[in-house]
Amino acid sequence: MDLSRFPRIDLIGGPTPIQPLDGLSRHLGDQLNGVRIFVKRDDIGPVGGGGNKLRKLEFLLGQARADGADTVITVGALQSNHARLTAAAAARCGFRCELFLTRSVPRDDGDYVGNGNRLLHELFGARVHLLPGDADSLAAATARATELEGEGRRGAVFPSGGSSALGSLGYAACIAEILDQSAALGLAFRHVVTANGSSGTHAGLAAGLAALGRDARLAKSYTVLAPLDEARRITLAKARDTLKLLEAERAISDTDIVIDGAARGEGYGIPTDGMREAVTLMARTEGLLLDPVYSGKAFAGLLADIRAGAYRPGDAVLFLMTGGVPGLFAYRGEFGIRQA
């Protein structure tokens, strides 16, 4: 899998570590049925507080620079992690940045509309355009790029989550990294598990596995945004598009995309009891932070599956921590934290 022909800007600096969850395992004991859980620390990184979007932005910003863009424009929800990291990476790489953010979650309290990622978007210097929840933010972003062209500038528009085929190459590269690390550790993971929002992370993992001649079903995700059937359809399409970019002589079928819908709850950004338990457990047993929108729900889904006997004793499972820690500050009330 040769990625050298794609323009790329290094935003991570090297492989992110894999570590066991020994504290959590001791705490839960027999509840884990002998299953070993490891985490891939894609929540850490040298730019913008870290997170999985950096891998996608390496390729998206690389292409933007190759195309001569001076401004990057992207879309997301009001508390978008992708928007935060796009603003931060743009600042580091010398691009202007504009964000089109929609009110996709039914909340208007001060924590949500003014803290967390929302604080950081503008701190990193982005120009923010606020839109209603039902607005077509991508159309607005594209129109803004056209407007910039009329001013003699050039904009590059990135989709939600950076989850184009080009952005998904970041996770094709990541699965190669994981396979190298697992071999060095002497581990054969039953699944590499992640959250599925805009679908690019899972799509990249699946495409990378197929391109490397491995079983794409090694990657599994829990949808936190779209209903299950829609999430599967979108992920399959993006995985196929990514595989085309890789020019691999492989195919991905619908049965190769493994997604679970049980952890989504009532919808995107709406807390669940499982998420609260997962975030609290990880914080109090490992000192690690899951976010309330993506990884908190996905880890809750993994714990539920392990407790239900979906894995065999001795199985090793790798959970991909995707970051999003600033989102915790927008959900303070969900964890019973009172103001002093």
C-alpha atoms as a PDB file:
ATOM      1  CA  MET A   1       0.000   0.000   0.000  1.00  0.00           C
ATOM      2  CA  ASP A   2       1.987   2.941  -1.357  1.00  0.00           C
ATOM      3  CA  LEU A   3       0.757   6.314  -0.083  1.00  0.00           C
ATOM      4  CA  SER A   4       3.812   8.277  -1.185  1.00  0.00           C
ATOM      5  CA  ARG A   5       2.088   9.650  -4.307  1.00  0.00           C
ATOM      6  CA  PHE A   6      -0.426  11.589  -2.191  1.00  0.00           C
ATOM      7  CA  PRO A   7       0.583  15.051  -0.905  1.00  0.00           C
ATOM      8  CA  ARG A   8       0.753  14.889   2.884  1.00  0.00           C
ATOM      9  CA  ILE A   9       1.611  17.175   5.791  1.00  0.00           C
ATOM     10  CA  ASP A  10       2.886  15.447   8.938  1.00  0.00           C
ATOM     11  CA  LEU A  11       0.654  16.392  11.875  1.00  0.00           C
ATOM     12  CA  ILE A  12       1.269  13.418  14.190  1.00  0.00           C
ATOM     13  CA  GLY A  13       5.010  12.809  14.170  1.00  0.00           C
ATOM     14  CA  GLY A  14       5.034   9.027  14.427  1.00  0.00           C
ATOM     15  CA  PRO A  15       2.996   6.003  15.518  1.00  0.00           C
ATOM     16  CA  THR A  16       0.579   6.540  18.400  1.00  0.00           C
ATOM     17  CA  PRO A  17       1.031   4.016  21.223  1.00  0.00           C
ATOM     18  CA  ILE A  18      -0.983   0.906  22.032  1.00  0.00           C
ATOM     19  CA  GLN A  19      -1.457   0.153  25.719  1.00  0.00           C
ATOM     20  CA  PRO A  20      -3.384  -2.385  27.810  1.00  0.00           C
ATOM     21  CA  LEU A  21      -6.240  -1.369  30.106  1.00  0.00           C
ATOM     22  CA  ASP A  22      -4.897  -3.144  33.187  1.00  0.00           C
ATOM     23  CA  GLY A  23      -6.641  -0.905  35.713  1.00  0.00           C
ATOM     24  CA  LEU A  24     -10.023  -1.306  34.065  1.00  0.00           C
ATOM     25  CA  SER A  25      -9.499  -5.063  33.819  1.00  0.00           C
ATOM     26  CA  ARG A  26      -8.716  -5.333  37.531  1.00  0.00           C
ATOM     27  CA  HIS A  27     -11.761  -3.255  38.398  1.00  0.00           C
ATOM     28  CA  LEU A  28     -14.246  -5.158  36.232  1.00  0.00           C
ATOM     29  CA  GLY A  29     -12.720  -8.584  36.878  1.00  0.00           C
ATOM     30  CA  ASP A  30     -15.014 -11.435  35.839  1.00  0.00           C
ATOM     31  CA  GLN A  31     -17.292  -9.053  33.918  1.00  0.00           C
ATOM     32  CA  LEU A  32     -14.718  -9.088  31.108  1.00  0.00           C
ATOM     33  CA  ASN A  33     -14.855 -12.891  30.791  1.00  0.00           C
ATOM     34  CA  GLY A  34     -11.091 -13.066  30.272  1.00  0.00           C
ATOM     35  CA  VAL A  35     -11.139 -10.653  27.322  1.00  0.00           C
ATOM     36  CA  ARG A  36      -8.076  -8.383  27.081  1.00  0.00           C
ATOM     37  CA  ILE A  37      -8.739  -4.770  26.059  1.00  0.00           C
ATOM     38  CA  PHE A  38      -6.060  -2.538  24.573  1.00  0.00           C
ATOM     39  CA  VAL A  39      -6.325   1.064  23.396  1.00  0.00           C
ATOM     40  CA  LYS A  40      -4.740   2.794  20.422  1.00  0.00           C
ATOM     41  CA  ARG A  41      -3.995   6.346  21.596  1.00  0.00           C
ATOM     42  CA  ASP A  42      -5.153   8.363  18.615  1.00  0.00           C
ATOM     43  CA  ASP A  43      -6.557  10.818  21.150  1.00  0.00           C
ATOM     44  CA  ILE A  44      -3.094  12.297  21.620  1.00  0.00           C
ATOM     45  CA  GLY A  45      -1.118  14.403  19.191  1.00  0.00           C
ATOM     46  CA  PRO A  46       1.053  17.510  18.844  1.00  0.00           C
ATOM     47  CA  VAL A  47      -1.634  19.747  17.278  1.00  0.00           C
ATOM     48  CA  GLY A  48      -4.897  21.117  18.641  1.00  0.00           C
ATOM     49  CA  GLY A  49      -5.217  18.737  21.574  1.00  0.00           C
ATOM     50  CA  GLY A  50      -4.977  15.612  19.438  1.00  0.00           C
ATOM     51  CA  GLY A  51      -7.588  13.343  17.902  1.00  0.00           C
ATOM     52  CA  ASN A  52      -8.309  11.071  14.977  1.00  0.00           C
ATOM     53  CA  LYS A  53      -9.085  13.890  12.539  1.00  0.00           C
ATOM     54  CA  LEU A  54      -5.375  14.731  12.385  1.00  0.00           C
ATOM     55  CA  ARG A  55      -4.733  11.591  10.328  1.00  0.00           C
ATOM     56  CA  LYS A  56      -7.339  12.692   7.770  1.00  0.00           C
ATOM     57  CA  LEU A  57      -6.095  16.272   7.774  1.00  0.00           C
ATOM     58  CA  GLU A  58      -2.579  15.149   6.866  1.00  0.00           C
ATOM     59  CA  PHE A  59      -3.897  14.208   3.423  1.00  0.00           C
ATOM     60  CA  LEU A  60      -6.568  16.896   3.107  1.00  0.00           C
ATOM     61  CA  LEU A  61      -4.202  19.736   3.952  1.00  0.00           C
ATOM     62  CA  GLY A  62      -1.457  18.178   1.869  1.00  0.00           C
ATOM     63  CA  GLN A  63      -3.716  18.284  -1.179  1.00  0.00           C
ATOM     64  CA  ALA A  64      -4.918  21.803  -0.314  1.00  0.00           C
ATOM     65  CA  ARG A  65      -1.329  23.017  -0.258  1.00  0.00           C
ATOM     66  CA  ALA A  66      -0.567  21.236  -3.537  1.00  0.00           C
ATOM     67  CA  ASP A  67      -3.610  22.935  -5.085  1.00  0.00           C
ATOM     68  CA  GLY A  68      -2.457  26.372  -3.960  1.00  0.00           C
ATOM     69  CA  ALA A  69      -5.265  26.978  -1.471  1.00  0.00           C
ATOM     70  CA  ASP A  70      -4.850  29.773   1.059  1.00  0.00           C
ATOM     71  CA  THR A  71      -8.053  29.056   3.026  1.00  0.00           C
ATOM     72  CA  VAL A  72      -9.546  25.801   4.287  1.00  0.00           C
ATOM     73  CA  ILE A  73     -13.272  25.582   4.895  1.00  0.00           C
ATOM     74  CA  THR A  74     -15.102  22.778   6.652  1.00  0.00           C
ATOM     75  CA  VAL A  75     -18.410  21.902   8.284  1.00  0.00           C
ATOM     76  CA  GLY A  76     -19.642  20.228  11.434  1.00  0.00           C
ATOM     77  CA  ALA A  77     -21.875  20.436  14.465  1.00  0.00           C
ATOM     78  CA  LEU A  78     -21.497  23.209  17.015  1.00  0.00           C
ATOM     79  CA  GLN A  79     -19.135  21.074  19.138  1.00  0.00           C
ATOM     80  CA  SER A  80     -17.259  19.571  16.193  1.00  0.00           C
ATOM     81  CA  ASN A  81     -13.888  17.992  17.001  1.00  0.00           C
ATOM     82  CA  HIS A  82     -13.039  17.988  13.311  1.00  0.00           C
ATOM     83  CA  ALA A  83     -13.660  21.734  13.112  1.00  0.00           C
ATOM     84  CA  ARG A  84     -11.378  22.304  16.113  1.00  0.00           C
ATOM     85  CA  LEU A  85      -8.543  20.269  14.651  1.00  0.00           C
ATOM     86  CA  THR A  86      -8.978  21.790  11.196  1.00  0.00           C
ATOM     87  CA  ALA A  87      -8.668  25.266  12.753  1.00  0.00           C
ATOM     88  CA  ALA A  88      -5.620  24.221  14.770  1.00  0.00           C
ATOM     89  CA  ALA A  89      -3.857  22.469  11.890  1.00  0.00           C
ATOM     90  CA  ALA A  90      -4.643  25.369   9.567  1.00  0.00           C
ATOM     91  CA  ALA A  91      -3.058  27.763  12.051  1.00  0.00           C
ATOM     92  CA  ARG A  92       0.052  25.604  12.259  1.00  0.00           C
ATOM     93  CA  CYS A  93       0.348  25.227   8.486  1.00  0.00           C
ATOM     94  CA  GLY A  94      -0.331  28.840   7.539  1.00  0.00           C
ATOM     95  CA  PHE A  95      -3.846  28.547   6.101  1.00  0.00           C
ATOM     96  CA  ARG A  96      -6.798  30.747   6.903  1.00  0.00           C
ATOM     97  CA  CYS A  97      -9.746  28.745   8.214  1.00  0.00           C
ATOM     98  CA  GLU A  98     -13.519  29.153   8.066  1.00  0.00           C
ATOM     99  CA  LEU A  99     -16.020  26.867   9.813  1.00  0.00           C
ATOM    100  CA  PHE A 100     -19.712  26.394   9.014  1.00  0.00           C
ATOM    101  CA  LEU A 101     -21.262  24.954  12.176  1.00  0.00           C
ATOM    102  CA  THR A 102     -24.844  23.730  12.575  1.00  0.00           C
ATOM    103  CA  ARG A 103     -26.944  23.476  15.716  1.00  0.00           C
ATOM    104  CA  SER A 104     -27.450  19.731  15.275  1.00  0.00           C
ATOM    105  CA  VAL A 105     -27.990  18.903  18.957  1.00  0.00           C
ATOM    106  CA  PRO A 106     -31.065  20.304  20.755  1.00  0.00           C
ATOM    107  CA  ARG A 107     -29.197  22.258  23.430  1.00  0.00           C
ATOM    108  CA  ASP A 108     -28.704  25.956  24.053  1.00  0.00           C
ATOM    109  CA  ASP A 109     -27.143  26.040  27.548  1.00  0.00           C
ATOM    110  CA  GLY A 110     -23.959  27.981  28.202  1.00  0.00           C
ATOM    111  CA  ASP A 111     -21.732  24.907  28.522  1.00  0.00           C
ATOM    112  CA  TYR A 112     -22.734  23.650  25.090  1.00  0.00           C
ATOM    113  CA  VAL A 113     -22.845  26.847  23.063  1.00  0.00           C
ATOM    114  CA  GLY A 114     -19.798  28.560  24.571  1.00  0.00           C
ATOM    115  CA  ASN A 115     -17.412  25.985  26.044  1.00  0.00           C
ATOM    116  CA  GLY A 116     -15.522  22.885  24.909  1.00  0.00           C
ATOM    117  CA  ASN A 117     -14.691  22.802  21.219  1.00  0.00           C
ATOM    118  CA  ARG A 118     -16.762  25.914  20.631  1.00  0.00           C
ATOM    119  CA  LEU A 119     -14.296  27.944  22.692  1.00  0.00           C
ATOM    120  CA  LEU A 120     -11.330  26.499  20.809  1.00  0.00           C
ATOM    121  CA  HIS A 121     -12.654  27.017  17.278  1.00  0.00           C
ATOM    122  CA  GLU A 122     -12.181  30.761  17.542  1.00  0.00           C
ATOM    123  CA  LEU A 123      -9.173  30.584  19.857  1.00  0.00           C
ATOM    124  CA  PHE A 124      -7.336  28.861  16.997  1.00  0.00           C
ATOM    125  CA  GLY A 125      -8.277  31.788  14.769  1.00  0.00           C
ATOM    126  CA  ALA A 126     -11.067  30.350  12.653  1.00  0.00           C
ATOM    127  CA  ARG A 127     -13.876  32.481  11.271  1.00  0.00           C
ATOM    128  CA  VAL A 128     -17.084  30.786  12.433  1.00  0.00           C
ATOM    129  CA  HIS A 129     -20.415  30.856  10.583  1.00  0.00           C
ATOM    130  CA  LEU A 130     -23.312  29.603  12.747  1.00  0.00           C
ATOM    131  CA  LEU A 131     -26.202  27.901  10.949  1.00  0.00           C
ATOM    132  CA  PRO A 132     -29.528  26.308  11.958  1.00  0.00           C
ATOM    133  CA  GLY A 133     -29.546  22.569  12.539  1.00  0.00           C
ATOM    134  CA  ASP A 134     -31.300  21.799   9.260  1.00  0.00           C
ATOM    135  CA  ALA A 135     -29.056  23.989   7.090  1.00  0.00           C
ATOM    136  CA  ASP A 136     -27.035  22.554   4.220  1.00  0.00           C
ATOM    137  CA  SER A 137     -23.671  23.502   5.645  1.00  0.00           C
ATOM    138  CA  LEU A 138     -21.649  21.899   2.853  1.00  0.00           C
ATOM    139  CA  ALA A 139     -23.530  23.946   0.241  1.00  0.00           C
ATOM    140  CA  ALA A 140     -22.853  27.094   2.280  1.00  0.00           C
ATOM    141  CA  ALA A 141     -19.164  26.206   2.543  1.00  0.00           C
ATOM    142  CA  THR A 142     -18.932  25.556  -1.188  1.00  0.00           C
ATOM    143  CA  ALA A 143     -20.619  28.886  -1.921  1.00  0.00           C
ATOM    144  CA  ARG A 144     -18.085  30.599   0.333  1.00  0.00           C
ATOM    145  CA  ALA A 145     -15.221  28.999  -1.598  1.00  0.00           C
ATOM    146  CA  THR A 146     -16.720  30.386  -4.823  1.00  0.00           C
ATOM    147  CA  GLU A 147     -16.953  33.805  -3.193  1.00  0.00           C
ATOM    148  CA  LEU A 148     -13.282  33.623  -2.223  1.00  0.00           C
ATOM    149  CA  GLU A 149     -12.325  32.808  -5.798  1.00  0.00           C
ATOM    150  CA  GLY A 150     -14.035  36.028  -6.855  1.00  0.00           C
ATOM    151  CA  GLU A 151     -11.717  37.855  -4.448  1.00  0.00           C
ATOM    152  CA  GLY A 152      -8.626  36.292  -5.979  1.00  0.00           C
ATOM    153  CA  ARG A 153      -8.191  33.732  -3.191  1.00  0.00           C
ATOM    154  CA  ARG A 154      -8.509  29.969  -3.228  1.00  0.00           C
ATOM    155  CA  GLY A 155     -10.459  27.847  -0.772  1.00  0.00           C
ATOM    156  CA  ALA A 156     -10.361  24.103  -0.144  1.00  0.00           C
ATOM    157  CA  VAL A 157     -13.621  22.619   1.182  1.00  0.00           C
ATOM    158  CA  PHE A 158     -13.459  19.578   3.469  1.00  0.00           C
ATOM    159  CA  PRO A 159     -16.568  17.480   4.252  1.00  0.00           C
ATOM    160  CA  SER A 160     -17.902  16.698   7.711  1.00  0.00           C
ATOM    161  CA  GLY A 161     -15.312  14.836   9.742  1.00  0.00           C
ATOM    162  CA  GLY A 162     -12.826  15.131   6.905  1.00  0.00           C
ATOM    163  CA  SER A 163     -14.399  11.889   5.725  1.00  0.00           C
ATOM    164  CA  SER A 164     -13.796  11.971   1.990  1.00  0.00           C
ATOM    165  CA  ALA A 165     -11.942   9.135   0.301  1.00  0.00           C
ATOM    166  CA  LEU A 166      -8.803  11.271   0.465  1.00  0.00           C
ATOM    167  CA  GLY A 167      -9.221  11.919   4.188  1.00  0.00           C
ATOM    168  CA  SER A 168      -9.946   8.255   4.832  1.00  0.00           C
ATOM    169  CA  LEU A 169      -6.459   7.413   3.578  1.00  0.00           C
ATOM    170  CA  GLY A 170      -5.340   8.496   7.036  1.00  0.00           C
ATOM    171  CA  TYR A 171      -6.945   5.393   8.489  1.00  0.00           C
ATOM    172  CA  ALA A 172      -5.748   3.133   5.714  1.00  0.00           C
ATOM    173  CA  ALA A 173      -2.292   4.234   6.867  1.00  0.00           C
ATOM    174  CA  CYS A 174      -3.323   3.738  10.495  1.00  0.00           C
ATOM    175  CA  ILE A 175      -4.344   0.108  10.058  1.00  0.00           C
ATOM    176  CA  ALA A 176      -0.948  -0.639   8.518  1.00  0.00           C
ATOM    177  CA  GLU A 177       0.583   0.985  11.599  1.00  0.00           C
ATOM    178  CA  ILE A 178      -1.632  -1.122  13.879  1.00  0.00           C
ATOM    179  CA  LEU A 179      -0.709  -4.355  12.102  1.00  0.00           C
ATOM    180  CA  ASP A 180       2.984  -3.575  12.485  1.00  0.00           C
ATOM    181  CA  GLN A 181       2.527  -2.752  16.179  1.00  0.00           C
ATOM    182  CA  SER A 182       0.422  -5.827  16.896  1.00  0.00           C
ATOM    183  CA  ALA A 183       3.038  -8.051  15.277  1.00  0.00           C
ATOM    184  CA  ALA A 184       5.763  -6.457  17.399  1.00  0.00           C
ATOM    185  CA  LEU A 185       3.636  -6.986  20.519  1.00  0.00           C
ATOM    186  CA  GLY A 186       2.826 -10.578  19.608  1.00  0.00           C
ATOM    187  CA  LEU A 187      -0.915  -9.841  19.568  1.00  0.00           C
ATOM    188  CA  ALA A 188      -3.643 -10.888  17.152  1.00  0.00           C
ATOM    189  CA  PHE A 189      -6.598  -8.598  17.722  1.00  0.00           C
ATOM    190  CA  ARG A 190     -10.065 -10.041  17.231  1.00  0.00           C
ATOM    191  CA  HIS A 191     -11.397  -6.595  16.349  1.00  0.00           C
ATOM    192  CA  VAL A 192     -10.170  -3.034  15.986  1.00  0.00           C
ATOM    193  CA  VAL A 193     -13.115  -1.087  17.401  1.00  0.00           C
ATOM    194  CA  THR A 194     -14.027   2.557  16.922  1.00  0.00           C
ATOM    195  CA  ALA A 195     -16.892   5.034  16.845  1.00  0.00           C
ATOM    196  CA  ASN A 196     -18.672   5.704  13.555  1.00  0.00           C
ATOM    197  CA  GLY A 197     -19.830   9.281  12.985  1.00  0.00           C
ATOM    198  CA  SER A 198     -19.011  10.592   9.538  1.00  0.00           C
ATOM    199  CA  SER A 199     -17.789   7.057   8.682  1.00  0.00           C
ATOM    200  CA  GLY A 200     -14.331   7.946   7.357  1.00  0.00           C
ATOM    201  CA  THR A 201     -12.355   6.277  10.141  1.00  0.00           C
ATOM    202  CA  HIS A 202     -14.053   2.894   9.715  1.00  0.00           C
ATOM    203  CA  ALA A 203     -14.001   3.257   5.912  1.00  0.00           C
ATOM    204  CA  GLY A 204     -10.266   3.904   5.939  1.00  0.00           C
ATOM    205  CA  LEU A 205      -9.579   0.963   8.240  1.00  0.00           C
ATOM    206  CA  ALA A 206     -11.635  -1.387   6.060  1.00  0.00           C
ATOM    207  CA  ALA A 207     -10.084  -0.144   2.818  1.00  0.00           C
ATOM    208  CA  GLY A 208      -6.595  -0.422   4.256  1.00  0.00           C
ATOM    209  CA  LEU A 209      -7.209  -3.973   5.422  1.00  0.00           C
ATOM    210  CA  ALA A 210      -8.546  -4.963   1.999  1.00  0.00           C
ATOM    211  CA  ALA A 211      -5.631  -3.293   0.219  1.00  0.00           C
ATOM    212  CA  LEU A 212      -3.206  -5.230   2.421  1.00  0.00           C
ATOM    213  CA  GLY A 213      -4.957  -8.515   1.697  1.00  0.00           C
ATOM    214  CA  ARG A 214      -6.435  -8.780   5.184  1.00  0.00           C
ATOM    215  CA  ASP A 215     -10.013  -9.374   6.316  1.00  0.00           C
ATOM    216  CA  ALA A 216     -11.853  -6.024   6.381  1.00  0.00           C
ATOM    217  CA  ARG A 217     -14.098  -7.438   9.122  1.00  0.00           C
ATOM    218  CA  LEU A 218     -11.247  -6.948  11.575  1.00  0.00           C
ATOM    219  CA  ALA A 219     -12.549  -3.367  11.784  1.00  0.00           C
ATOM    220  CA  LYS A 220     -15.776  -2.867  13.730  1.00  0.00           C
ATOM    221  CA  SER A 221     -17.585   0.320  14.672  1.00  0.00           C
ATOM    222  CA  TYR A 222     -20.532   1.541  16.721  1.00  0.00           C
ATOM    223  CA  THR A 223     -22.604   4.165  14.984  1.00  0.00           C
ATOM    224  CA  VAL A 224     -23.172   7.322  17.030  1.00  0.00           C
ATOM    225  CA  LEU A 225     -24.651   9.491  14.269  1.00  0.00           C
ATOM    226  CA  ALA A 226     -26.674   7.792  11.525  1.00  0.00           C
ATOM    227  CA  PRO A 227     -29.157   4.939  12.057  1.00  0.00           C
ATOM    228  CA  LEU A 228     -27.565   1.540  11.501  1.00  0.00           C
ATOM    229  CA  ASP A 229     -28.609   0.853   7.897  1.00  0.00           C
ATOM    230  CA  GLU A 230     -27.600   4.340   6.786  1.00  0.00           C
ATOM    231  CA  ALA A 231     -24.274   4.130   8.613  1.00  0.00           C
ATOM    232  CA  ARG A 232     -23.508   0.818   6.928  1.00  0.00           C
ATOM    233  CA  ARG A 233     -24.406   2.152   3.480  1.00  0.00           C
ATOM    234  CA  ILE A 234     -22.302   5.298   3.882  1.00  0.00           C
ATOM    235  CA  THR A 235     -19.314   3.419   5.309  1.00  0.00           C
ATOM    236  CA  LEU A 236     -19.376   0.847   2.509  1.00  0.00           C
ATOM    237  CA  ALA A 237     -19.480   3.563  -0.168  1.00  0.00           C
ATOM    238  CA  LYS A 238     -16.606   5.487   1.411  1.00  0.00           C
ATOM    239  CA  ALA A 239     -14.536   2.333   1.876  1.00  0.00           C
ATOM    240  CA  ARG A 240     -14.973   1.492  -1.800  1.00  0.00           C
ATOM    241  CA  ASP A 241     -14.035   5.032  -2.846  1.00  0.00           C
ATOM    242  CA  THR A 242     -10.931   4.876  -0.650  1.00  0.00           C
ATOM    243  CA  LEU A 243      -9.960   1.508  -2.106  1.00  0.00           C
ATOM    244  CA  LYS A 244     -10.191   3.027  -5.593  1.00  0.00           C
ATOM    245  CA  LEU A 245      -7.761   5.760  -4.564  1.00  0.00           C
ATOM    246  CA  LEU A 246      -5.391   3.059  -3.356  1.00  0.00           C
ATOM    247  CA  GLU A 247      -5.665   1.336  -6.752  1.00  0.00           C
ATOM    248  CA  ALA A 248      -5.838  -1.992  -4.970  1.00  0.00           C
ATOM    249  CA  GLU A 249      -6.997  -5.088  -6.830  1.00  0.00           C
ATOM    250  CA  ARG A 250      -9.435  -5.944  -4.084  1.00  0.00           C
ATOM    251  CA  ALA A 251     -13.156  -5.526  -3.465  1.00  0.00           C
ATOM    252  CA  ILE A 252     -15.224  -4.778  -0.374  1.00  0.00           C
ATOM    253  CA  SER A 253     -18.699  -6.282  -0.015  1.00  0.00           C
ATOM    254  CA  ASP A 254     -21.514  -5.212   2.283  1.00  0.00           C
ATOM    255  CA  THR A 255     -20.752  -8.139   4.600  1.00  0.00           C
ATOM    256  CA  ASP A 256     -17.227  -6.766   5.108  1.00  0.00           C
ATOM    257  CA  ILE A 257     -18.573  -3.710   6.961  1.00  0.00           C
ATOM    258  CA  VAL A 258     -19.271  -4.589  10.601  1.00  0.00           C
ATOM    259  CA  ILE A 259     -21.270  -1.918  12.441  1.00  0.00           C
ATOM    260  CA  ASP A 260     -23.382  -2.105  15.601  1.00  0.00           C
ATOM    261  CA  GLY A 261     -26.259   0.288  16.251  1.00  0.00           C
ATOM    262  CA  ALA A 262     -27.025  -0.540  19.882  1.00  0.00           C
ATOM    263  CA  ALA A 263     -24.894   2.217  21.495  1.00  0.00           C
ATOM    264  CA  ARG A 264     -26.305   5.173  19.532  1.00  0.00           C
ATOM    265  CA  GLY A 265     -29.169   5.922  21.904  1.00  0.00           C
ATOM    266  CA  GLU A 266     -31.728   8.528  20.889  1.00  0.00           C
ATOM    267  CA  GLY A 267     -29.401  10.236  18.447  1.00  0.00           C
ATOM    268  CA  TYR A 268     -26.227  12.174  17.798  1.00  0.00           C
ATOM    269  CA  GLY A 269     -24.868  14.033  20.810  1.00  0.00           C
ATOM    270  CA  ILE A 270     -27.641  12.820  23.122  1.00  0.00           C
ATOM    271  CA  PRO A 271     -26.138  11.135  26.210  1.00  0.00           C
ATOM    272  CA  THR A 272     -26.818   7.545  27.248  1.00  0.00           C
ATOM    273  CA  ASP A 273     -26.371   5.784  30.583  1.00  0.00           C
ATOM    274  CA  GLY A 274     -23.839   3.459  28.955  1.00  0.00           C
ATOM    275  CA  MET A 275     -21.767   6.435  27.797  1.00  0.00           C
ATOM    276  CA  ARG A 276     -21.747   7.963  31.278  1.00  0.00           C
ATOM    277  CA  GLU A 277     -20.592   4.663  32.780  1.00  0.00           C
ATOM    278  CA  ALA A 278     -17.896   4.162  30.130  1.00  0.00           C
ATOM    279  CA  VAL A 279     -16.474   7.678  30.481  1.00  0.00           C
ATOM    280  CA  THR A 280     -16.460   7.446  34.284  1.00  0.00           C
ATOM    281  CA  LEU A 281     -14.941   3.960  34.369  1.00  0.00           C
ATOM    282  CA  MET A 282     -12.121   4.892  32.022  1.00  0.00           C
ATOM    283  CA  ALA A 283     -11.355   8.067  33.967  1.00  0.00           C
ATOM    284  CA  ARG A 284     -11.372   6.397  37.390  1.00  0.00           C
ATOM    285  CA  THR A 285      -9.517   3.180  36.517  1.00  0.00           C
ATOM    286  CA  GLU A 286      -7.076   4.333  33.813  1.00  0.00           C
ATOM    287  CA  GLY A 287      -6.863   8.108  34.089  1.00  0.00           C
ATOM    288  CA  LEU A 288      -7.905   8.285  30.429  1.00  0.00           C
ATOM    289  CA  LEU A 289     -10.585  10.519  28.954  1.00  0.00           C
ATOM    290  CA  LEU A 290     -13.252   9.412  26.507  1.00  0.00           C
ATOM    291  CA  ASP A 291     -15.483  11.996  24.899  1.00  0.00           C
ATOM    292  CA  PRO A 292     -19.271  11.957  25.425  1.00  0.00           C
ATOM    293  CA  VAL A 293     -20.328  11.987  21.751  1.00  0.00           C
ATOM    294  CA  TYR A 294     -18.109   9.432  20.001  1.00  0.00           C
ATOM    295  CA  SER A 295     -15.673   7.258  21.946  1.00  0.00           C
ATOM    296  CA  GLY A 296     -17.786   7.223  25.119  1.00  0.00           C
ATOM    297  CA  LYS A 297     -20.697   5.609  23.307  1.00  0.00           C
ATOM    298  CA  ALA A 298     -18.477   3.273  21.285  1.00  0.00           C
ATOM    299  CA  PHE A 299     -16.633   2.050  24.375  1.00  0.00           C
ATOM    300  CA  ALA A 300     -19.992   1.528  26.088  1.00  0.00           C
ATOM    301  CA  GLY A 301     -20.975  -0.659  23.148  1.00  0.00           C
ATOM    302  CA  LEU A 302     -17.771  -2.670  23.414  1.00  0.00           C
ATOM    303  CA  LEU A 303     -18.241  -3.224  27.151  1.00  0.00           C
ATOM    304  CA  ALA A 304     -21.834  -4.344  26.584  1.00  0.00           C
ATOM    305  CA  ASP A 305     -20.718  -6.855  23.959  1.00  0.00           C
ATOM    306  CA  ILE A 306     -17.961  -8.241  26.176  1.00  0.00           C
ATOM    307  CA  ARG A 307     -20.332  -8.599  29.122  1.00  0.00           C
ATOM    308  CA  ALA A 308     -22.841 -10.369  26.856  1.00  0.00           C
ATOM    309  CA  GLY A 309     -20.254 -12.957  25.807  1.00  0.00           C
ATOM    310  CA  ALA A 310     -19.640 -11.748  22.251  1.00  0.00           C
ATOM    311  CA  TYR A 311     -15.909 -12.433  22.688  1.00  0.00           C
ATOM    312  CA  ARG A 312     -14.107 -15.558  23.854  1.00  0.00           C
ATOM    313  CA  PRO A 313     -11.881 -15.716  26.952  1.00  0.00           C
ATOM    314  CA  GLY A 314      -8.360 -14.756  25.913  1.00  0.00           C
ATOM    315  CA  ASP A 315      -9.479 -12.644  22.957  1.00  0.00           C
ATOM    316  CA  ALA A 316      -7.601  -9.376  22.528  1.00  0.00           C
ATOM    317  CA  VAL A 317      -9.591  -6.351  21.348  1.00  0.00           C
ATOM    318  CA  LEU A 318      -8.139  -2.993  20.334  1.00  0.00           C
ATOM    319  CA  PHE A 319     -10.222   0.104  20.999  1.00  0.00           C
ATOM    320  CA  LEU A 320      -9.292   3.113  18.891  1.00  0.00           C
ATOM    321  CA  MET A 321      -9.444   6.206  21.120  1.00  0.00           C
ATOM    322  CA  THR A 322     -10.352   9.038  18.772  1.00  0.00           C
ATOM    323  CA  GLY A 323     -10.073  12.027  21.103  1.00  0.00           C
ATOM    324  CA  GLY A 324     -12.653  14.761  21.530  1.00  0.00           C
ATOM    325  CA  VAL A 325     -11.774  15.549  25.136  1.00  0.00           C
ATOM    326  CA  PRO A 326     -12.867  19.238  24.879  1.00  0.00           C
ATOM    327  CA  GLY A 327     -16.406  17.963  24.360  1.00  0.00           C
ATOM    328  CA  LEU A 328     -16.464  16.822  27.986  1.00  0.00           C
ATOM    329  CA  PHE A 329     -16.546  20.440  29.109  1.00  0.00           C
ATOM    330  CA  ALA A 330     -19.689  21.008  27.061  1.00  0.00           C
ATOM    331  CA  TYR A 331     -21.356  18.045  28.833  1.00  0.00           C
ATOM    332  CA  ARG A 332     -20.379  18.909  32.406  1.00  0.00           C
ATOM    333  CA  GLY A 333     -23.940  18.542  33.710  1.00  0.00           C
ATOM    334  CA  GLU A 334     -24.214  14.958  32.479  1.00  0.00           C
ATOM    335  CA  PHE A 335     -21.669  13.824  35.056  1.00  0.00           C
ATOM    336  CA  GLY A 336     -23.132  15.544  38.093  1.00  0.00           C
ATOM    337  CA  ILE A 337     -20.295  18.056  38.392  1.00  0.00           C
ATOM    338  CA  ARG A 338     -21.551  21.087  40.274  1.00  0.00           C
ATOM    339  CA  GLN A 339     -20.237  24.592  40.082  1.00  0.00           C
ATOM    340  CA  ALA A 340     -18.224  25.667  43.133  1.00  0.00           C
END
